[in-house]
Amino acid sequence: FEDPIRPRDSRASLDRQPRHIHGFVDAINYLLLQSNHQREDALMTAPTQTPTRRPGVVSFIGIILYIQGFLAAVAAVSMLIWRNDILDFLEKEGSPLSDGAFTGSIVAEAIAAVLLIFVANGIMRGSSGMRLFVAIVQCFSMGVAIYVLVAHHAGGLVYRAVFSLFIGVFVLWALYGNDESDRYFETNG
């Protein structure tokens, strides 16, 4: 029994082919061998880096971001569903909010929902870019809170500003202040 695809003596069958095809086959075989050797060398020298387990505080921040994104989506859908009722109520109360401004609020809420879920995905995957983005947003929020503390000395705004400062410090500590978070974002991001 003789295999029609692979003759007994492959070298003999190559000799029967024109010379330029014989050289082409040898060149392909050489390239394939080189590629296999390079792949084996790369596998032998590549550092074996296993993903680090996500710290609990990072998971907590990611879950809070998912919840915020879900609530923003619910708010956008609710404002869209009851749009006319809300606009009628606002007009009856004498609110200067126009139809176009309300539509802009719906669009902004929908964009915020998508952005929050996108950032939550990045934090949960260990993305260093999303980590930096959250830190920048928290620093901005803390700056506004400090301004509110300086500008308004009484009322509910002061309590809200103090609460925002505590949240900002916690988030920055959770993302940058402990070794587990640093290892997680270095190995996964």
C-alpha atoms as a PDB file:
ATOM      1  CA  PHE A   1       0.000   0.000   0.000  1.00  0.00           C
ATOM      2  CA  GLU A   2       1.492   3.313  -1.052  1.00  0.00           C
ATOM      3  CA  ASP A   3       0.317   6.668   0.307  1.00  0.00           C
ATOM      4  CA  PRO A   4      -0.449   8.932  -2.686  1.00  0.00           C
ATOM      5  CA  ILE A   5       0.030  12.113  -0.682  1.00  0.00           C
ATOM      6  CA  ARG A   6       3.343  11.233   0.886  1.00  0.00           C
ATOM      7  CA  PRO A   7       5.658   9.155  -1.336  1.00  0.00           C
ATOM      8  CA  ARG A   8       8.183   6.773   0.229  1.00  0.00           C
ATOM      9  CA  ASP A   9      11.184   8.818  -0.674  1.00  0.00           C
ATOM     10  CA  SER A  10      10.219  12.464  -0.437  1.00  0.00           C
ATOM     11  CA  ARG A  11      13.696  13.540  -1.574  1.00  0.00           C
ATOM     12  CA  ALA A  12      13.340  11.509  -4.757  1.00  0.00           C
ATOM     13  CA  SER A  13      10.004  13.124  -5.494  1.00  0.00           C
ATOM     14  CA  LEU A  14      11.568  16.563  -4.943  1.00  0.00           C
ATOM     15  CA  ASP A  15      14.303  15.710  -7.408  1.00  0.00           C
ATOM     16  CA  ARG A  16      11.666  15.030 -10.045  1.00  0.00           C
ATOM     17  CA  GLN A  17      10.279  18.575  -9.628  1.00  0.00           C
ATOM     18  CA  PRO A  18      11.789  21.603 -11.308  1.00  0.00           C
ATOM     19  CA  ARG A  19      14.778  23.129  -9.486  1.00  0.00           C
ATOM     20  CA  HIS A  20      13.065  26.416  -8.498  1.00  0.00           C
ATOM     21  CA  ILE A  21      10.256  24.523  -6.698  1.00  0.00           C
ATOM     22  CA  HIS A  22      12.819  22.371  -4.881  1.00  0.00           C
ATOM     23  CA  GLY A  23      14.610  25.497  -3.586  1.00  0.00           C
ATOM     24  CA  PHE A  24      11.298  27.073  -2.581  1.00  0.00           C
ATOM     25  CA  VAL A  25      10.319  24.023  -0.495  1.00  0.00           C
ATOM     26  CA  ASP A  26      13.727  24.023   1.207  1.00  0.00           C
ATOM     27  CA  ALA A  27      13.349  27.745   1.992  1.00  0.00           C
ATOM     28  CA  ILE A  28       9.893  27.211   3.536  1.00  0.00           C
ATOM     29  CA  ASN A  29      11.165  24.299   5.622  1.00  0.00           C
ATOM     30  CA  TYR A  30      14.097  26.407   6.822  1.00  0.00           C
ATOM     31  CA  LEU A  31      11.784  29.284   7.803  1.00  0.00           C
ATOM     32  CA  LEU A  32       9.444  26.943   9.647  1.00  0.00           C
ATOM     33  CA  LEU A  33      12.359  25.414  11.561  1.00  0.00           C
ATOM     34  CA  GLN A  34      13.689  28.876  12.487  1.00  0.00           C
ATOM     35  CA  SER A  35      10.257  29.988  13.616  1.00  0.00           C
ATOM     36  CA  ASN A  36       9.866  26.891  15.821  1.00  0.00           C
ATOM     37  CA  HIS A  37      13.291  27.447  17.393  1.00  0.00           C
ATOM     38  CA  GLN A  38      12.505  31.099  18.072  1.00  0.00           C
ATOM     39  CA  ARG A  39       9.154  30.176  19.613  1.00  0.00           C
ATOM     40  CA  GLU A  40      10.805  27.567  21.851  1.00  0.00           C
ATOM     41  CA  ASP A  41      13.490  30.080  22.900  1.00  0.00           C
ATOM     42  CA  ALA A  42      10.842  32.684  23.695  1.00  0.00           C
ATOM     43  CA  LEU A  43       8.862  30.206  25.767  1.00  0.00           C
ATOM     44  CA  MET A  44      11.953  29.184  27.713  1.00  0.00           C
ATOM     45  CA  THR A  45      13.016  32.757  28.482  1.00  0.00           C
ATOM     46  CA  ALA A  46       9.557  34.297  29.054  1.00  0.00           C
ATOM     47  CA  PRO A  47       8.899  35.123  32.689  1.00  0.00           C
ATOM     48  CA  THR A  48       6.109  33.097  34.168  1.00  0.00           C
ATOM     49  CA  GLN A  49       3.878  35.722  35.677  1.00  0.00           C
ATOM     50  CA  THR A  50       0.688  34.481  37.243  1.00  0.00           C
ATOM     51  CA  PRO A  51      -2.179  36.893  37.747  1.00  0.00           C
ATOM     52  CA  THR A  52      -2.438  38.225  41.270  1.00  0.00           C
ATOM     53  CA  ARG A  53      -5.646  37.758  43.228  1.00  0.00           C
ATOM     54  CA  ARG A  54      -7.792  40.889  43.373  1.00  0.00           C
ATOM     55  CA  PRO A  55      -7.729  42.539  46.818  1.00  0.00           C
ATOM     56  CA  GLY A  56     -11.038  42.958  48.614  1.00  0.00           C
ATOM     57  CA  VAL A  57     -10.886  46.760  48.639  1.00  0.00           C
ATOM     58  CA  VAL A  58     -10.454  46.831  44.847  1.00  0.00           C
ATOM     59  CA  SER A  59     -13.426  44.477  44.485  1.00  0.00           C
ATOM     60  CA  PHE A  60     -15.431  46.744  46.801  1.00  0.00           C
ATOM     61  CA  ILE A  61     -14.659  49.799  44.666  1.00  0.00           C
ATOM     62  CA  GLY A  62     -15.510  47.897  41.478  1.00  0.00           C
ATOM     63  CA  ILE A  63     -18.827  46.695  42.900  1.00  0.00           C
ATOM     64  CA  ILE A  64     -19.734  50.228  44.031  1.00  0.00           C
ATOM     65  CA  LEU A  65     -18.951  51.486  40.512  1.00  0.00           C
ATOM     66  CA  TYR A  66     -21.178  48.764  39.008  1.00  0.00           C
ATOM     67  CA  ILE A  67     -24.004  49.756  41.372  1.00  0.00           C
ATOM     68  CA  GLN A  68     -23.591  53.439  40.462  1.00  0.00           C
ATOM     69  CA  GLY A  69     -23.636  52.551  36.753  1.00  0.00           C
ATOM     70  CA  PHE A  70     -26.770  50.443  37.177  1.00  0.00           C
ATOM     71  CA  LEU A  71     -28.536  53.199  39.114  1.00  0.00           C
ATOM     72  CA  ALA A  72     -27.557  55.780  36.479  1.00  0.00           C
ATOM     73  CA  ALA A  73     -28.998  53.514  33.773  1.00  0.00           C
ATOM     74  CA  VAL A  74     -32.223  53.091  35.760  1.00  0.00           C
ATOM     75  CA  ALA A  75     -32.421  56.883  36.198  1.00  0.00           C
ATOM     76  CA  ALA A  76     -31.946  57.488  32.462  1.00  0.00           C
ATOM     77  CA  VAL A  77     -34.597  54.927  31.521  1.00  0.00           C
ATOM     78  CA  SER A  78     -37.015  56.266  34.163  1.00  0.00           C
ATOM     79  CA  MET A  79     -36.571  59.841  32.971  1.00  0.00           C
ATOM     80  CA  LEU A  80     -37.191  58.675  29.416  1.00  0.00           C
ATOM     81  CA  ILE A  81     -40.312  56.673  30.288  1.00  0.00           C
ATOM     82  CA  TRP A  82     -41.936  59.378  32.457  1.00  0.00           C
ATOM     83  CA  ARG A  83     -40.556  62.295  30.498  1.00  0.00           C
ATOM     84  CA  ASN A  84     -43.871  64.058  29.822  1.00  0.00           C
ATOM     85  CA  ASP A  85     -45.115  63.600  33.394  1.00  0.00           C
ATOM     86  CA  ILE A  86     -41.881  65.003  34.801  1.00  0.00           C
ATOM     87  CA  LEU A  87     -41.908  67.969  32.414  1.00  0.00           C
ATOM     88  CA  ASP A  88     -45.572  68.707  33.266  1.00  0.00           C
ATOM     89  CA  PHE A  89     -44.795  68.586  36.988  1.00  0.00           C
ATOM     90  CA  LEU A  90     -41.763  70.860  36.599  1.00  0.00           C
ATOM     91  CA  GLU A  91     -43.791  73.348  34.547  1.00  0.00           C
ATOM     92  CA  LYS A  92     -46.558  73.348  37.163  1.00  0.00           C
ATOM     93  CA  GLU A  93     -43.988  74.039  39.894  1.00  0.00           C
ATOM     94  CA  GLY A  94     -42.540  76.922  37.893  1.00  0.00           C
ATOM     95  CA  SER A  95     -39.187  75.305  37.079  1.00  0.00           C
ATOM     96  CA  PRO A  96     -37.223  77.020  34.310  1.00  0.00           C
ATOM     97  CA  LEU A  97     -35.977  73.625  32.984  1.00  0.00           C
ATOM     98  CA  SER A  98     -36.741  73.411  29.271  1.00  0.00           C
ATOM     99  CA  ASP A  99     -37.522  70.372  27.164  1.00  0.00           C
ATOM    100  CA  GLY A 100     -34.049  70.489  25.559  1.00  0.00           C
ATOM    101  CA  ALA A 101     -32.279  70.710  28.918  1.00  0.00           C
ATOM    102  CA  PHE A 102     -34.251  67.716  30.187  1.00  0.00           C
ATOM    103  CA  THR A 103     -33.282  65.733  27.090  1.00  0.00           C
ATOM    104  CA  GLY A 104     -29.670  66.675  27.744  1.00  0.00           C
ATOM    105  CA  SER A 105     -30.029  65.371  31.301  1.00  0.00           C
ATOM    106  CA  ILE A 106     -31.280  62.036  30.001  1.00  0.00           C
ATOM    107  CA  VAL A 107     -28.383  61.743  27.544  1.00  0.00           C
ATOM    108  CA  ALA A 108     -25.852  62.759  30.227  1.00  0.00           C
ATOM    109  CA  GLU A 109     -27.252  60.162  32.631  1.00  0.00           C
ATOM    110  CA  ALA A 110     -27.014  57.442  29.960  1.00  0.00           C
ATOM    111  CA  ILE A 111     -23.416  58.411  29.148  1.00  0.00           C
ATOM    112  CA  ALA A 112     -22.568  58.394  32.871  1.00  0.00           C
ATOM    113  CA  ALA A 113     -24.036  54.878  33.175  1.00  0.00           C
ATOM    114  CA  VAL A 114     -21.945  53.549  30.290  1.00  0.00           C
ATOM    115  CA  LEU A 115     -18.804  55.271  31.573  1.00  0.00           C
ATOM    116  CA  LEU A 116     -19.259  53.963  35.120  1.00  0.00           C
ATOM    117  CA  ILE A 117     -19.730  50.386  33.921  1.00  0.00           C
ATOM    118  CA  PHE A 118     -16.705  50.719  31.602  1.00  0.00           C
ATOM    119  CA  VAL A 119     -14.533  52.025  34.472  1.00  0.00           C
ATOM    120  CA  ALA A 120     -15.819  49.295  36.808  1.00  0.00           C
ATOM    121  CA  ASN A 121     -14.829  46.649  34.219  1.00  0.00           C
ATOM    122  CA  GLY A 122     -11.355  48.172  33.985  1.00  0.00           C
ATOM    123  CA  ILE A 123     -10.872  48.264  37.743  1.00  0.00           C
ATOM    124  CA  MET A 124     -12.055  44.678  38.135  1.00  0.00           C
ATOM    125  CA  ARG A 125      -9.672  43.522  35.359  1.00  0.00           C
ATOM    126  CA  GLY A 126      -6.747  45.363  36.921  1.00  0.00           C
ATOM    127  CA  SER A 127      -6.288  48.095  34.310  1.00  0.00           C
ATOM    128  CA  SER A 128      -3.664  50.633  35.368  1.00  0.00           C
ATOM    129  CA  GLY A 129      -5.232  53.265  33.105  1.00  0.00           C
ATOM    130  CA  MET A 130      -8.622  52.952  34.802  1.00  0.00           C
ATOM    131  CA  ARG A 131      -6.871  53.052  38.168  1.00  0.00           C
ATOM    132  CA  LEU A 132      -5.293  56.382  37.202  1.00  0.00           C
ATOM    133  CA  PHE A 133      -8.603  57.689  35.829  1.00  0.00           C
ATOM    134  CA  VAL A 134     -10.407  56.911  39.113  1.00  0.00           C
ATOM    135  CA  ALA A 135      -7.588  58.570  41.075  1.00  0.00           C
ATOM    136  CA  ILE A 136      -7.806  61.748  38.962  1.00  0.00           C
ATOM    137  CA  VAL A 137     -11.600  61.908  39.369  1.00  0.00           C
ATOM    138  CA  GLN A 138     -11.263  61.400  43.136  1.00  0.00           C
ATOM    139  CA  CYS A 139      -8.626  64.129  43.395  1.00  0.00           C
ATOM    140  CA  PHE A 140     -10.947  66.490  41.508  1.00  0.00           C
ATOM    141  CA  SER A 141     -13.825  65.534  43.825  1.00  0.00           C
ATOM    142  CA  MET A 142     -11.646  66.154  46.872  1.00  0.00           C
ATOM    143  CA  GLY A 143     -10.614  69.557  45.490  1.00  0.00           C
ATOM    144  CA  VAL A 144     -14.278  70.539  45.103  1.00  0.00           C
ATOM    145  CA  ALA A 145     -14.959  69.303  48.643  1.00  0.00           C
ATOM    146  CA  ILE A 146     -12.138  71.452  50.015  1.00  0.00           C
ATOM    147  CA  TYR A 147     -13.504  74.468  48.130  1.00  0.00           C
ATOM    148  CA  VAL A 148     -16.969  73.832  49.623  1.00  0.00           C
ATOM    149  CA  LEU A 149     -15.460  73.616  53.113  1.00  0.00           C
ATOM    150  CA  VAL A 150     -13.693  76.947  52.640  1.00  0.00           C
ATOM    151  CA  ALA A 151     -16.553  78.777  50.900  1.00  0.00           C
ATOM    152  CA  HIS A 152     -19.528  77.461  52.921  1.00  0.00           C
ATOM    153  CA  HIS A 153     -19.095  77.325  56.686  1.00  0.00           C
ATOM    154  CA  ALA A 154     -22.527  75.997  57.659  1.00  0.00           C
ATOM    155  CA  GLY A 155     -25.229  73.705  56.399  1.00  0.00           C
ATOM    156  CA  GLY A 156     -25.492  70.309  54.768  1.00  0.00           C
ATOM    157  CA  LEU A 157     -22.848  71.129  52.163  1.00  0.00           C
ATOM    158  CA  VAL A 158     -20.155  71.003  54.860  1.00  0.00           C
ATOM    159  CA  TYR A 159     -21.161  67.483  55.922  1.00  0.00           C
ATOM    160  CA  ARG A 160     -21.283  66.348  52.337  1.00  0.00           C
ATOM    161  CA  ALA A 161     -17.819  67.849  51.703  1.00  0.00           C
ATOM    162  CA  VAL A 162     -16.345  66.082  54.729  1.00  0.00           C
ATOM    163  CA  PHE A 163     -17.937  62.801  53.594  1.00  0.00           C
ATOM    164  CA  SER A 164     -16.504  63.313  50.078  1.00  0.00           C
ATOM    165  CA  LEU A 165     -13.040  63.850  51.566  1.00  0.00           C
ATOM    166  CA  PHE A 166     -13.266  60.604  53.555  1.00  0.00           C
ATOM    167  CA  ILE A 167     -14.446  58.683  50.482  1.00  0.00           C
ATOM    168  CA  GLY A 168     -11.636  60.183  48.380  1.00  0.00           C
ATOM    169  CA  VAL A 169      -8.975  59.249  50.922  1.00  0.00           C
ATOM    170  CA  PHE A 170     -10.347  55.703  51.145  1.00  0.00           C
ATOM    171  CA  VAL A 171     -10.431  55.240  47.355  1.00  0.00           C
ATOM    172  CA  LEU A 172      -6.894  56.598  46.921  1.00  0.00           C
ATOM    173  CA  TRP A 173      -5.640  54.363  49.743  1.00  0.00           C
ATOM    174  CA  ALA A 174      -7.427  51.337  48.255  1.00  0.00           C
ATOM    175  CA  LEU A 175      -5.956  51.891  44.793  1.00  0.00           C
ATOM    176  CA  TYR A 176      -2.466  53.177  45.661  1.00  0.00           C
ATOM    177  CA  GLY A 177      -1.827  52.869  49.392  1.00  0.00           C
ATOM    178  CA  ASN A 178      -1.414  49.151  49.974  1.00  0.00           C
ATOM    179  CA  ASP A 179       0.973  46.567  48.566  1.00  0.00           C
ATOM    180  CA  GLU A 180      -1.725  44.100  47.490  1.00  0.00           C
ATOM    181  CA  SER A 181      -3.328  46.670  45.177  1.00  0.00           C
ATOM    182  CA  ASP A 182       0.042  47.624  43.721  1.00  0.00           C
ATOM    183  CA  ARG A 183       0.864  43.983  42.961  1.00  0.00           C
ATOM    184  CA  TYR A 184      -2.602  43.397  41.476  1.00  0.00           C
ATOM    185  CA  PHE A 185      -2.442  46.359  39.102  1.00  0.00           C
ATOM    186  CA  GLU A 186       1.209  45.693  38.157  1.00  0.00           C
ATOM    187  CA  THR A 187       0.632  42.052  37.211  1.00  0.00           C
ATOM    188  CA  ASN A 188      -2.808  42.429  35.634  1.00  0.00           C
ATOM    189  CA  GLY A 189      -2.660  45.902  34.085  1.00  0.00           C
END
